[in-house]
């Protein structure tokens, strides 16, 4: 029996975003700006380690990015990245981790415009 992969729609967890930043809109704008300008390039570095199959680097880089996912209110993507980090610790087959990464990267790409829109809305 073949199953169709479930499509996950990622959103900004506004409740968590406001709770973490005590509703301080300027702080939220600052965090989202840092995420967009400084954290997003880190995903390219992470992808490079995945392509090179250097799992220890994948674990390290993912671990450093995970807190930013939460601070930006990207709870579901944070969970996916945490799963990828745990998977990399198991010395996985490259195709397994790459599949997980591609799903995560697609979700991140789909969600980034929402992050930009939210930052611009709060400015």
PDB file of N, CA and C in Angstrom:
ATOM      1  N   UNK A   1       0.830  -1.173   0.000  1.00  0.00           N
ATOM      2  CA  UNK A   1       0.000   0.000   0.000  1.00  0.00           C
ATOM      3  C   UNK A   1       0.884   1.249   0.000  1.00  0.00           C
ATOM      4  N   UNK A   2       0.690   2.115  -0.958  1.00  0.00           N
ATOM      5  CA  UNK A   2       1.450   3.356  -1.050  1.00  0.00           C
ATOM      6  C   UNK A   2       0.725   4.450  -0.285  1.00  0.00           C
ATOM      7  N   UNK A   3       1.492   5.259   0.400  1.00  0.00           N
ATOM      8  CA  UNK A   3       0.896   6.387   1.101  1.00  0.00           C
ATOM      9  C   UNK A   3       1.461   7.669   0.532  1.00  0.00           C
ATOM     10  N   UNK A   4       0.640   8.667   0.504  1.00  0.00           N
ATOM     11  CA  UNK A   4       1.058   9.974   0.024  1.00  0.00           C
ATOM     12  C   UNK A   4       1.619  10.755   1.203  1.00  0.00           C
ATOM     13  N   UNK A   5       2.796  11.357   1.032  1.00  0.00           N
ATOM     14  CA  UNK A   5       3.344  12.150   2.130  1.00  0.00           C
ATOM     15  C   UNK A   5       2.384  13.271   2.521  1.00  0.00           C
ATOM     16  N   UNK A   6       2.281  13.494   3.790  1.00  0.00           N
ATOM     17  CA  UNK A   6       1.413  14.548   4.288  1.00  0.00           C
ATOM     18  C   UNK A   6       2.103  15.893   4.101  1.00  0.00           C
ATOM     19  N   UNK A   7       1.360  16.848   3.580  1.00  0.00           N
ATOM     20  CA  UNK A   7       1.884  18.191   3.432  1.00  0.00           C
ATOM     21  C   UNK A   7       1.591  18.958   4.713  1.00  0.00           C
ATOM     22  N   UNK A   8       2.610  19.559   5.271  1.00  0.00           N
ATOM     23  CA  UNK A   8       2.462  20.332   6.492  1.00  0.00           C
ATOM     24  C   UNK A   8       2.521  21.805   6.121  1.00  0.00           C
ATOM     25  N   UNK A   9       1.558  22.561   6.605  1.00  0.00           N
ATOM     26  CA  UNK A   9       1.569  23.994   6.396  1.00  0.00           C
ATOM     27  C   UNK A   9       2.128  24.639   7.653  1.00  0.00           C
ATOM     28  N   UNK A  10       3.243  25.301   7.505  1.00  0.00           N
ATOM     29  CA  UNK A  10       3.889  25.950   8.641  1.00  0.00           C
ATOM     30  C   UNK A  10       3.398  27.389   8.738  1.00  0.00           C
ATOM     31  N   UNK A  11       3.233  27.849   9.956  1.00  0.00           N
ATOM     32  CA  UNK A  11       2.800  29.217  10.202  1.00  0.00           C
ATOM     33  C   UNK A  11       3.640  29.804  11.331  1.00  0.00           C
ATOM     34  N   UNK A  12       3.413  31.064  11.580  1.00  0.00           N
ATOM     35  CA  UNK A  12       4.044  31.713  12.728  1.00  0.00           C
ATOM     36  C   UNK A  12       3.156  31.468  13.936  1.00  0.00           C
ATOM     37  N   UNK A  13       3.749  31.012  14.998  1.00  0.00           N
ATOM     38  CA  UNK A  13       3.050  30.779  16.257  1.00  0.00           C
ATOM     39  C   UNK A  13       3.013  32.118  17.005  1.00  0.00           C
ATOM     40  N   UNK A  14       1.977  32.916  16.712  1.00  0.00           N
ATOM     41  CA  UNK A  14       1.892  34.263  17.282  1.00  0.00           C
ATOM     42  C   UNK A  14       1.795  34.242  18.806  1.00  0.00           C
ATOM     43  N   UNK A  15       1.096  33.265  19.338  1.00  0.00           N
ATOM     44  CA  UNK A  15       0.961  33.171  20.793  1.00  0.00           C
ATOM     45  C   UNK A  15       2.338  32.998  21.445  1.00  0.00           C
ATOM     46  N   UNK A  16       3.117  32.087  20.906  1.00  0.00           N
ATOM     47  CA  UNK A  16       4.459  31.857  21.455  1.00  0.00           C
ATOM     48  C   UNK A  16       5.363  33.069  21.235  1.00  0.00           C
ATOM     49  N   UNK A  17       5.272  33.653  20.049  1.00  0.00           N
ATOM     50  CA  UNK A  17       6.081  34.828  19.725  1.00  0.00           C
ATOM     51  C   UNK A  17       5.817  35.946  20.730  1.00  0.00           C
ATOM     52  N   UNK A  18       4.553  36.204  20.999  1.00  0.00           N
ATOM     53  CA  UNK A  18       4.201  37.255  21.955  1.00  0.00           C
ATOM     54  C   UNK A  18       4.592  36.889  23.380  1.00  0.00           C
ATOM     55  N   UNK A  19       4.430  35.623  23.737  1.00  0.00           N
ATOM     56  CA  UNK A  19       4.789  35.178  25.086  1.00  0.00           C
ATOM     57  C   UNK A  19       6.305  35.303  25.311  1.00  0.00           C
ATOM     58  N   UNK A  20       7.088  34.847  24.338  1.00  0.00           N
ATOM     59  CA  UNK A  20       8.547  34.896  24.479  1.00  0.00           C
ATOM     60  C   UNK A  20       9.081  36.321  24.580  1.00  0.00           C
ATOM     61  N   UNK A  21       8.421  37.228  23.904  1.00  0.00           N
ATOM     62  CA  UNK A  21       8.911  38.604  23.826  1.00  0.00           C
ATOM     63  C   UNK A  21       8.018  39.572  24.599  1.00  0.00           C
ATOM     64  N   UNK A  22       7.179  39.024  25.473  1.00  0.00           N
ATOM     65  CA  UNK A  22       6.292  39.822  26.343  1.00  0.00           C
ATOM     66  C   UNK A  22       5.481  40.845  25.555  1.00  0.00           C
ATOM     67  N   UNK A  23       5.117  40.492  24.331  1.00  0.00           N
ATOM     68  CA  UNK A  23       4.304  41.374  23.501  1.00  0.00           C
ATOM     69  C   UNK A  23       5.032  42.611  22.998  1.00  0.00           C
ATOM     70  N   UNK A  24       6.328  42.701  23.223  1.00  0.00           N
ATOM     71  CA  UNK A  24       7.126  43.860  22.811  1.00  0.00           C
ATOM     72  C   UNK A  24       7.345  43.804  21.297  1.00  0.00           C
ATOM     73  N   UNK A  25       6.576  44.624  20.570  1.00  0.00           N
ATOM     74  CA  UNK A  25       6.625  44.571  19.111  1.00  0.00           C
ATOM     75  C   UNK A  25       7.996  44.924  18.560  1.00  0.00           C
ATOM     76  N   UNK A  26       8.681  45.878  19.166  1.00  0.00           N
ATOM     77  CA  UNK A  26      10.010  46.247  18.670  1.00  0.00           C
ATOM     78  C   UNK A  26      10.988  45.094  18.843  1.00  0.00           C
ATOM     79  N   UNK A  27      10.885  44.392  19.956  1.00  0.00           N
ATOM     80  CA  UNK A  27      11.754  43.235  20.173  1.00  0.00           C
ATOM     81  C   UNK A  27      11.453  42.147  19.142  1.00  0.00           C
ATOM     82  N   UNK A  28      10.175  41.941  18.848  1.00  0.00           N
ATOM     83  CA  UNK A  28       9.795  40.948  17.839  1.00  0.00           C
ATOM     84  C   UNK A  28      10.359  41.351  16.481  1.00  0.00           C
ATOM     85  N   UNK A  29      10.240  42.626  16.126  1.00  0.00           N
ATOM     86  CA  UNK A  29      10.800  43.120  14.858  1.00  0.00           C
ATOM     87  C   UNK A  29      12.303  42.860  14.819  1.00  0.00           C
ATOM     88  N   UNK A  30      12.991  43.146  15.916  1.00  0.00           N
ATOM     89  CA  UNK A  30      14.443  42.932  15.965  1.00  0.00           C
ATOM     90  C   UNK A  30      14.798  41.461  15.782  1.00  0.00           C
ATOM     91  N   UNK A  31      14.086  40.580  16.462  1.00  0.00           N
ATOM     92  CA  UNK A  31      14.359  39.143  16.354  1.00  0.00           C
ATOM     93  C   UNK A  31      14.080  38.650  14.935  1.00  0.00           C
ATOM     94  N   UNK A  32      12.966  39.078  14.357  1.00  0.00           N
ATOM     95  CA  UNK A  32      12.635  38.643  12.996  1.00  0.00           C
ATOM     96  C   UNK A  32      13.657  39.178  11.995  1.00  0.00           C
ATOM     97  N   UNK A  33      14.135  40.395  12.208  1.00  0.00           N
ATOM     98  CA  UNK A  33      15.155  40.964  11.326  1.00  0.00           C
ATOM     99  C   UNK A  33      16.456  40.174  11.427  1.00  0.00           C
ATOM    100  N   UNK A  34      16.868  39.851  12.633  1.00  0.00           N
ATOM    101  CA  UNK A  34      18.076  39.035  12.809  1.00  0.00           C
ATOM    102  C   UNK A  34      17.890  37.674  12.151  1.00  0.00           C
ATOM    103  N   UNK A  35      16.711  37.088  12.329  1.00  0.00           N
ATOM    104  CA  UNK A  35      16.445  35.784  11.723  1.00  0.00           C
ATOM    105  C   UNK A  35      16.591  35.863  10.201  1.00  0.00           C
ATOM    106  N   UNK A  36      15.971  36.870   9.605  1.00  0.00           N
ATOM    107  CA  UNK A  36      15.996  37.024   8.146  1.00  0.00           C
ATOM    108  C   UNK A  36      17.414  37.319   7.646  1.00  0.00           C
ATOM    109  N   UNK A  37      18.082  38.272   8.282  1.00  0.00           N
ATOM    110  CA  UNK A  37      19.373  38.751   7.781  1.00  0.00           C
ATOM    111  C   UNK A  37      20.566  37.890   8.183  1.00  0.00           C
ATOM    112  N   UNK A  38      20.518  37.306   9.374  1.00  0.00           N
ATOM    113  CA  UNK A  38      21.705  36.628   9.885  1.00  0.00           C
ATOM    114  C   UNK A  38      21.556  35.121  10.047  1.00  0.00           C
ATOM    115  N   UNK A  39      20.361  34.661  10.359  1.00  0.00           N
ATOM    116  CA  UNK A  39      20.175  33.224  10.576  1.00  0.00           C
ATOM    117  C   UNK A  39      19.914  32.498   9.256  1.00  0.00           C
ATOM    118  N   UNK A  40      19.167  33.109   8.367  1.00  0.00           N
ATOM    119  CA  UNK A  40      18.853  32.439   7.093  1.00  0.00           C
ATOM    120  C   UNK A  40      20.108  31.970   6.351  1.00  0.00           C
ATOM    121  N   UNK A  41      21.186  32.762   6.280  1.00  0.00           N
ATOM    122  CA  UNK A  41      22.396  32.255   5.608  1.00  0.00           C
ATOM    123  C   UNK A  41      22.988  31.011   6.280  1.00  0.00           C
ATOM    124  N   UNK A  42      22.727  30.834   7.570  1.00  0.00           N
ATOM    125  CA  UNK A  42      23.232  29.643   8.265  1.00  0.00           C
ATOM    126  C   UNK A  42      22.632  28.356   7.700  1.00  0.00           C
ATOM    127  N   UNK A  43      21.453  28.445   7.116  1.00  0.00           N
ATOM    128  CA  UNK A  43      20.841  27.253   6.526  1.00  0.00           C
ATOM    129  C   UNK A  43      21.623  26.774   5.305  1.00  0.00           C
ATOM    130  N   UNK A  44      22.253  27.712   4.588  1.00  0.00           N
ATOM    131  CA  UNK A  44      23.107  27.313   3.464  1.00  0.00           C
ATOM    132  C   UNK A  44      24.322  26.540   3.966  1.00  0.00           C
ATOM    133  N   UNK A  45      24.895  26.993   5.082  1.00  0.00           N
ATOM    134  CA  UNK A  45      26.021  26.262   5.686  1.00  0.00           C
ATOM    135  C   UNK A  45      25.583  24.872   6.129  1.00  0.00           C
ATOM    136  N   UNK A  46      24.413  24.804   6.732  1.00  0.00           N
ATOM    137  CA  UNK A  46      23.872  23.519   7.172  1.00  0.00           C
ATOM    138  C   UNK A  46      23.671  22.589   5.980  1.00  0.00           C
ATOM    139  N   UNK A  47      23.132  23.136   4.903  1.00  0.00           N
ATOM    140  CA  UNK A  47      22.920  22.331   3.702  1.00  0.00           C
ATOM    141  C   UNK A  47      24.245  21.814   3.141  1.00  0.00           C
ATOM    142  N   UNK A  48      25.287  22.638   3.193  1.00  0.00           N
ATOM    143  CA  UNK A  48      26.603  22.201   2.731  1.00  0.00           C
ATOM    144  C   UNK A  48      27.109  21.007   3.524  1.00  0.00           C
ATOM    145  N   UNK A  49      26.921  21.035   4.829  1.00  0.00           N
ATOM    146  CA  UNK A  49      27.337  19.902   5.667  1.00  0.00           C
ATOM    147  C   UNK A  49      26.520  18.659   5.359  1.00  0.00           C
ATOM    148  N   UNK A  50      25.249  18.852   5.041  1.00  0.00           N
ATOM    149  CA  UNK A  50      24.400  17.713   4.666  1.00  0.00           C
ATOM    150  C   UNK A  50      24.888  17.119   3.352  1.00  0.00           C
ATOM    151  N   UNK A  51      25.173  17.980   2.381  1.00  0.00           N
ATOM    152  CA  UNK A  51      25.653  17.492   1.088  1.00  0.00           C
ATOM    153  C   UNK A  51      26.983  16.762   1.218  1.00  0.00           C
ATOM    154  N   UNK A  52      27.820  17.212   2.146  1.00  0.00           N
ATOM    155  CA  UNK A  52      29.118  16.566   2.369  1.00  0.00           C
ATOM    156  C   UNK A  52      29.011  15.368   3.313  1.00  0.00           C
ATOM    157  N   UNK A  53      27.831  15.168   3.874  1.00  0.00           N
ATOM    158  CA  UNK A  53      27.552  14.059   4.794  1.00  0.00           C
ATOM    159  C   UNK A  53      28.453  14.090   6.030  1.00  0.00           C
ATOM    160  N   UNK A  54      28.675  15.287   6.531  1.00  0.00           N
ATOM    161  CA  UNK A  54      29.449  15.464   7.759  1.00  0.00           C
ATOM    162  C   UNK A  54      28.431  15.632   8.889  1.00  0.00           C
ATOM    163  N   UNK A  55      27.989  14.501   9.409  1.00  0.00           N
ATOM    164  CA  UNK A  55      26.856  14.493  10.331  1.00  0.00           C
ATOM    165  C   UNK A  55      27.140  15.244  11.625  1.00  0.00           C
ATOM    166  N   UNK A  56      28.370  15.194  12.113  1.00  0.00           N
ATOM    167  CA  UNK A  56      28.703  15.929  13.345  1.00  0.00           C
ATOM    168  C   UNK A  56      28.517  17.433  13.140  1.00  0.00           C
ATOM    169  N   UNK A  57      28.889  17.929  11.966  1.00  0.00           N
ATOM    170  CA  UNK A  57      28.674  19.345  11.656  1.00  0.00           C
ATOM    171  C   UNK A  57      27.190  19.653  11.511  1.00  0.00           C
ATOM    172  N   UNK A  58      26.439  18.729  10.936  1.00  0.00           N
ATOM    173  CA  UNK A  58      24.990  18.911  10.803  1.00  0.00           C
ATOM    174  C   UNK A  58      24.375  19.060  12.193  1.00  0.00           C
ATOM    175  N   UNK A  59      24.769  18.172  13.097  1.00  0.00           N
ATOM    176  CA  UNK A  59      24.253  18.234  14.471  1.00  0.00           C
ATOM    177  C   UNK A  59      24.597  19.578  15.102  1.00  0.00           C
ATOM    178  N   UNK A  60      25.842  19.990  14.991  1.00  0.00           N
ATOM    179  CA  UNK A  60      26.302  21.234  15.603  1.00  0.00           C
ATOM    180  C   UNK A  60      25.587  22.447  15.022  1.00  0.00           C
ATOM    181  N   UNK A  61      25.500  22.516  13.712  1.00  0.00           N
ATOM    182  CA  UNK A  61      24.878  23.675  13.063  1.00  0.00           C
ATOM    183  C   UNK A  61      23.382  23.731  13.333  1.00  0.00           C
ATOM    184  N   UNK A  62      22.717  22.594  13.266  1.00  0.00           N
ATOM    185  CA  UNK A  62      21.278  22.561  13.557  1.00  0.00           C
ATOM    186  C   UNK A  62      21.030  22.990  15.000  1.00  0.00           C
ATOM    187  N   UNK A  63      21.860  22.494  15.901  1.00  0.00           N
ATOM    188  CA  UNK A  63      21.698  22.811  17.323  1.00  0.00           C
ATOM    189  C   UNK A  63      21.807  24.317  17.574  1.00  0.00           C
ATOM    190  N   UNK A  64      22.681  24.983  16.849  1.00  0.00           N
ATOM    191  CA  UNK A  64      22.860  26.428  17.011  1.00  0.00           C
ATOM    192  C   UNK A  64      21.698  27.229  16.427  1.00  0.00           C
ATOM    193  N   UNK A  65      21.031  26.682  15.418  1.00  0.00           N
ATOM    194  CA  UNK A  65      19.933  27.389  14.759  1.00  0.00           C
ATOM    195  C   UNK A  65      18.606  27.180  15.486  1.00  0.00           C
ATOM    196  N   UNK A  66      18.419  26.035  16.098  1.00  0.00           N
ATOM    197  CA  UNK A  66      17.128  25.670  16.697  1.00  0.00           C
ATOM    198  C   UNK A  66      16.542  26.764  17.596  1.00  0.00           C
ATOM    199  N   UNK A  67      17.308  27.370  18.503  1.00  0.00           N
ATOM    200  CA  UNK A  67      16.695  28.403  19.356  1.00  0.00           C
ATOM    201  C   UNK A  67      16.109  29.574  18.564  1.00  0.00           C
ATOM    202  N   UNK A  68      16.738  29.906  17.452  1.00  0.00           N
ATOM    203  CA  UNK A  68      16.230  31.006  16.629  1.00  0.00           C
ATOM    204  C   UNK A  68      14.881  30.674  16.014  1.00  0.00           C
ATOM    205  N   UNK A  69      14.663  29.404  15.715  1.00  0.00           N
ATOM    206  CA  UNK A  69      13.373  29.005  15.153  1.00  0.00           C
ATOM    207  C   UNK A  69      12.264  29.319  16.157  1.00  0.00           C
ATOM    208  N   UNK A  70      12.511  28.977  17.409  1.00  0.00           N
ATOM    209  CA  UNK A  70      11.531  29.251  18.454  1.00  0.00           C
ATOM    210  C   UNK A  70      11.348  30.738  18.691  1.00  0.00           C
ATOM    211  N   UNK A  71      12.460  31.482  18.751  1.00  0.00           N
ATOM    212  CA  UNK A  71      12.368  32.921  19.008  1.00  0.00           C
ATOM    213  C   UNK A  71      11.628  33.647  17.892  1.00  0.00           C
ATOM    214  N   UNK A  72      11.667  33.086  16.677  1.00  0.00           N
ATOM    215  CA  UNK A  72      10.954  33.690  15.547  1.00  0.00           C
ATOM    216  C   UNK A  72       9.517  33.183  15.444  1.00  0.00           C
ATOM    217  N   UNK A  73       9.110  32.327  16.378  1.00  0.00           N
ATOM    218  CA  UNK A  73       7.737  31.825  16.376  1.00  0.00           C
ATOM    219  C   UNK A  73       7.490  30.716  15.372  1.00  0.00           C
ATOM    220  N   UNK A  74       8.543  30.065  14.918  1.00  0.00           N
ATOM    221  CA  UNK A  74       8.420  29.005  13.911  1.00  0.00           C
ATOM    222  C   UNK A  74       8.441  27.637  14.603  1.00  0.00           C
ATOM    223  N   UNK A  75       7.440  27.408  15.414  1.00  0.00           N
ATOM    224  CA  UNK A  75       7.387  26.242  16.288  1.00  0.00           C
ATOM    225  C   UNK A  75       7.415  24.925  15.529  1.00  0.00           C
ATOM    226  N   UNK A  76       6.613  24.797  14.491  1.00  0.00           N
ATOM    227  CA  UNK A  76       6.565  23.519  13.762  1.00  0.00           C
ATOM    228  C   UNK A  76       7.873  23.263  13.017  1.00  0.00           C
ATOM    229  N   UNK A  77       8.484  24.309  12.484  1.00  0.00           N
ATOM    230  CA  UNK A  77       9.786  24.144  11.828  1.00  0.00           C
ATOM    231  C   UNK A  77      10.880  23.852  12.852  1.00  0.00           C
ATOM    232  N   UNK A  78      10.761  24.421  14.025  1.00  0.00           N
ATOM    233  CA  UNK A  78      11.707  24.129  15.103  1.00  0.00           C
ATOM    234  C   UNK A  78      11.670  22.634  15.432  1.00  0.00           C
ATOM    235  N   UNK A  79      10.471  22.090  15.491  1.00  0.00           N
ATOM    236  CA  UNK A  79      10.304  20.658  15.772  1.00  0.00           C
ATOM    237  C   UNK A  79      10.940  19.815  14.676  1.00  0.00           C
ATOM    238  N   UNK A  80      10.739  20.209  13.429  1.00  0.00           N
ATOM    239  CA  UNK A  80      11.335  19.466  12.308  1.00  0.00           C
ATOM    240  C   UNK A  80      12.859  19.536  12.336  1.00  0.00           C
ATOM    241  N   UNK A  81      13.398  20.714  12.634  1.00  0.00           N
ATOM    242  CA  UNK A  81      14.856  20.858  12.678  1.00  0.00           C
ATOM    243  C   UNK A  81      15.434  20.059  13.846  1.00  0.00           C
ATOM    244  N   UNK A  82      14.721  20.026  14.955  1.00  0.00           N
ATOM    245  CA  UNK A  82      15.153  19.223  16.098  1.00  0.00           C
ATOM    246  C   UNK A  82      15.186  17.739  15.714  1.00  0.00           C
ATOM    247  N   UNK A  83      14.201  17.297  14.938  1.00  0.00           N
ATOM    248  CA  UNK A  83      14.173  15.907  14.457  1.00  0.00           C
ATOM    249  C   UNK A  83      15.347  15.629  13.529  1.00  0.00           C
ATOM    250  N   UNK A  84      15.659  16.587  12.669  1.00  0.00           N
ATOM    251  CA  UNK A  84      16.799  16.430  11.768  1.00  0.00           C
ATOM    252  C   UNK A  84      18.095  16.330  12.572  1.00  0.00           C
ATOM    253  N   UNK A  85      18.220  17.148  13.597  1.00  0.00           N
ATOM    254  CA  UNK A  85      19.406  17.103  14.461  1.00  0.00           C
ATOM    255  C   UNK A  85      19.536  15.713  15.100  1.00  0.00           C
ATOM    256  N   UNK A  86      18.439  15.196  15.623  1.00  0.00           N
ATOM    257  CA  UNK A  86      18.469  13.878  16.265  1.00  0.00           C
ATOM    258  C   UNK A  86      18.795  12.783  15.249  1.00  0.00           C
ATOM    259  N   UNK A  87      18.231  12.898  14.052  1.00  0.00           N
ATOM    260  CA  UNK A  87      18.501  11.925  12.998  1.00  0.00           C
ATOM    261  C   UNK A  87      19.983  11.922  12.633  1.00  0.00           C
ATOM    262  N   UNK A  88      20.577  13.112  12.526  1.00  0.00           N
ATOM    263  CA  UNK A  88      21.999  13.213  12.161  1.00  0.00           C
ATOM    264  C   UNK A  88      22.893  12.547  13.203  1.00  0.00           C
ATOM    265  N   UNK A  89      22.441  12.490  14.439  1.00  0.00           N
ATOM    266  CA  UNK A  89      23.222  11.844  15.506  1.00  0.00           C
ATOM    267  C   UNK A  89      23.296  10.326  15.337  1.00  0.00           C
ATOM    268  N   UNK A  90      22.415   9.762  14.503  1.00  0.00           N
ATOM    269  CA  UNK A  90      22.352   8.303  14.340  1.00  0.00           C
ATOM    270  C   UNK A  90      23.189   7.797  13.178  1.00  0.00           C
ATOM    271  N   UNK A  91      23.986   8.683  12.564  1.00  0.00           N
ATOM    272  CA  UNK A  91      24.772   8.311  11.389  1.00  0.00           C
ATOM    273  C   UNK A  91      23.866   7.699  10.310  1.00  0.00           C
ATOM    274  N   UNK A  92      22.891   8.472   9.841  1.00  0.00           N
ATOM    275  CA  UNK A  92      21.878   7.940   8.931  1.00  0.00           C
ATOM    276  C   UNK A  92      22.400   7.734   7.513  1.00  0.00           C
ATOM    277  N   UNK A  93      21.627   6.989   6.741  1.00  0.00           N
ATOM    278  CA  UNK A  93      21.889   6.911   5.302  1.00  0.00           C
ATOM    279  C   UNK A  93      21.660   8.314   4.737  1.00  0.00           C
ATOM    280  N   UNK A  94      22.506   8.707   3.810  1.00  0.00           N
ATOM    281  CA  UNK A  94      22.449  10.066   3.270  1.00  0.00           C
ATOM    282  C   UNK A  94      21.083  10.396   2.685  1.00  0.00           C
ATOM    283  N   UNK A  95      20.470   9.442   1.987  1.00  0.00           N
ATOM    284  CA  UNK A  95      19.182   9.734   1.353  1.00  0.00           C
ATOM    285  C   UNK A  95      18.087   9.978   2.383  1.00  0.00           C
ATOM    286  N   UNK A  96      18.166   9.325   3.524  1.00  0.00           N
ATOM    287  CA  UNK A  96      17.163   9.515   4.576  1.00  0.00           C
ATOM    288  C   UNK A  96      17.256  10.936   5.133  1.00  0.00           C
ATOM    289  N   UNK A  97      18.461  11.363   5.456  1.00  0.00           N
ATOM    290  CA  UNK A  97      18.627  12.700   6.003  1.00  0.00           C
ATOM    291  C   UNK A  97      18.330  13.761   4.949  1.00  0.00           C
ATOM    292  N   UNK A  98      18.734  13.510   3.720  1.00  0.00           N
ATOM    293  CA  UNK A  98      18.473  14.465   2.641  1.00  0.00           C
ATOM    294  C   UNK A  98      16.973  14.639   2.411  1.00  0.00           C
ATOM    295  N   UNK A  99      16.225  13.565   2.477  1.00  0.00           N
ATOM    296  CA  UNK A  99      14.768  13.654   2.331  1.00  0.00           C
ATOM    297  C   UNK A  99      14.178  14.514   3.444  1.00  0.00           C
ATOM    298  N   UNK A 100      14.624  14.278   4.659  1.00  0.00           N
ATOM    299  CA  UNK A 100      14.161  15.067   5.805  1.00  0.00           C
ATOM    300  C   UNK A 100      14.527  16.542   5.607  1.00  0.00           C
ATOM    301  N   UNK A 101      15.759  16.798   5.176  1.00  0.00           N
ATOM    302  CA  UNK A 101      16.223  18.160   4.942  1.00  0.00           C
ATOM    303  C   UNK A 101      15.395  18.848   3.859  1.00  0.00           C
ATOM    304  N   UNK A 102      15.151  18.163   2.760  1.00  0.00           N
ATOM    305  CA  UNK A 102      14.392  18.765   1.662  1.00  0.00           C
ATOM    306  C   UNK A 102      12.992  19.165   2.107  1.00  0.00           C
ATOM    307  N   UNK A 103      12.370  18.336   2.928  1.00  0.00           N
ATOM    308  CA  UNK A 103      11.035  18.657   3.449  1.00  0.00           C
ATOM    309  C   UNK A 103      11.117  19.894   4.353  1.00  0.00           C
ATOM    310  N   UNK A 104      12.136  19.922   5.208  1.00  0.00           N
ATOM    311  CA  UNK A 104      12.320  21.077   6.090  1.00  0.00           C
ATOM    312  C   UNK A 104      12.577  22.344   5.273  1.00  0.00           C
ATOM    313  N   UNK A 105      13.484  22.254   4.317  1.00  0.00           N
ATOM    314  CA  UNK A 105      13.870  23.431   3.515  1.00  0.00           C
ATOM    315  C   UNK A 105      12.671  23.975   2.737  1.00  0.00           C
ATOM    316  N   UNK A 106      11.829  23.075   2.227  1.00  0.00           N
ATOM    317  CA  UNK A 106      10.614  23.507   1.526  1.00  0.00           C
ATOM    318  C   UNK A 106       9.699  24.276   2.482  1.00  0.00           C
ATOM    319  N   UNK A 107       9.524  23.735   3.673  1.00  0.00           N
ATOM    320  CA  UNK A 107       8.694  24.414   4.670  1.00  0.00           C
ATOM    321  C   UNK A 107       9.259  25.769   5.052  1.00  0.00           C
ATOM    322  N   UNK A 108      10.568  25.840   5.202  1.00  0.00           N
ATOM    323  CA  UNK A 108      11.217  27.105   5.528  1.00  0.00           C
ATOM    324  C   UNK A 108      11.022  28.113   4.399  1.00  0.00           C
ATOM    325  N   UNK A 109      11.208  27.656   3.172  1.00  0.00           N
ATOM    326  CA  UNK A 109      11.015  28.537   2.021  1.00  0.00           C
ATOM    327  C   UNK A 109       9.586  29.040   1.906  1.00  0.00           C
ATOM    328  N   UNK A 110       8.638  28.167   2.232  1.00  0.00           N
ATOM    329  CA  UNK A 110       7.226  28.562   2.189  1.00  0.00           C
ATOM    330  C   UNK A 110       6.881  29.542   3.302  1.00  0.00           C
ATOM    331  N   UNK A 111       7.586  29.449   4.421  1.00  0.00           N
ATOM    332  CA  UNK A 111       7.267  30.252   5.600  1.00  0.00           C
ATOM    333  C   UNK A 111       8.013  31.579   5.636  1.00  0.00           C
ATOM    334  N   UNK A 112       9.168  31.657   5.010  1.00  0.00           N
ATOM    335  CA  UNK A 112       9.959  32.888   5.048  1.00  0.00           C
ATOM    336  C   UNK A 112       9.164  34.126   4.618  1.00  0.00           C
ATOM    337  N   UNK A 113       8.360  34.072   3.558  1.00  0.00           N
ATOM    338  CA  UNK A 113       7.571  35.261   3.206  1.00  0.00           C
ATOM    339  C   UNK A 113       6.628  35.707   4.334  1.00  0.00           C
ATOM    340  N   UNK A 114       6.126  34.752   5.116  1.00  0.00           N
ATOM    341  CA  UNK A 114       5.271  35.104   6.253  1.00  0.00           C
ATOM    342  C   UNK A 114       6.067  35.836   7.328  1.00  0.00           C
ATOM    343  N   UNK A 115       7.302  35.398   7.541  1.00  0.00           N
ATOM    344  CA  UNK A 115       8.172  36.045   8.528  1.00  0.00           C
ATOM    345  C   UNK A 115       8.474  37.476   8.084  1.00  0.00           C
ATOM    346  N   UNK A 116       8.792  37.646   6.821  1.00  0.00           N
ATOM    347  CA  UNK A 116       9.076  38.985   6.284  1.00  0.00           C
ATOM    348  C   UNK A 116       7.836  39.867   6.390  1.00  0.00           C
ATOM    349  N   UNK A 117       6.698  39.310   6.031  1.00  0.00           N
ATOM    350  CA  UNK A 117       5.437  40.053   6.102  1.00  0.00           C
ATOM    351  C   UNK A 117       5.130  40.468   7.549  1.00  0.00           C
ATOM    352  N   UNK A 118       5.334  39.567   8.488  1.00  0.00           N
ATOM    353  CA  UNK A 118       5.080  39.876   9.896  1.00  0.00           C
ATOM    354  C   UNK A 118       6.017  40.973  10.391  1.00  0.00           C
ATOM    355  N   UNK A 119       7.280  40.878  10.041  1.00  0.00           N
ATOM    356  CA  UNK A 119       8.229  41.918  10.440  1.00  0.00           C
ATOM    357  C   UNK A 119       7.815  43.276   9.879  1.00  0.00           C
ATOM    358  N   UNK A 120       7.454  43.300   8.605  1.00  0.00           N
ATOM    359  CA  UNK A 120       7.064  44.556   7.975  1.00  0.00           C
ATOM    360  C   UNK A 120       5.770  45.107   8.569  1.00  0.00           C
ATOM    361  N   UNK A 121       4.866  44.228   8.936  1.00  0.00           N
ATOM    362  CA  UNK A 121       3.592  44.646   9.536  1.00  0.00           C
ATOM    363  C   UNK A 121       3.818  45.308  10.896  1.00  0.00           C
ATOM    364  N   UNK A 122       4.772  44.789  11.652  1.00  0.00           N
ATOM    365  CA  UNK A 122       5.015  45.293  13.005  1.00  0.00           C
ATOM    366  C   UNK A 122       5.901  46.533  13.049  1.00  0.00           C
ATOM    367  N   UNK A 123       6.558  46.850  11.952  1.00  0.00           N
ATOM    368  CA  UNK A 123       7.472  48.014  11.922  1.00  0.00           C
ATOM    369  C   UNK A 123       6.723  49.300  12.114  1.00  0.00           C
TER     370      UNK A 123
END
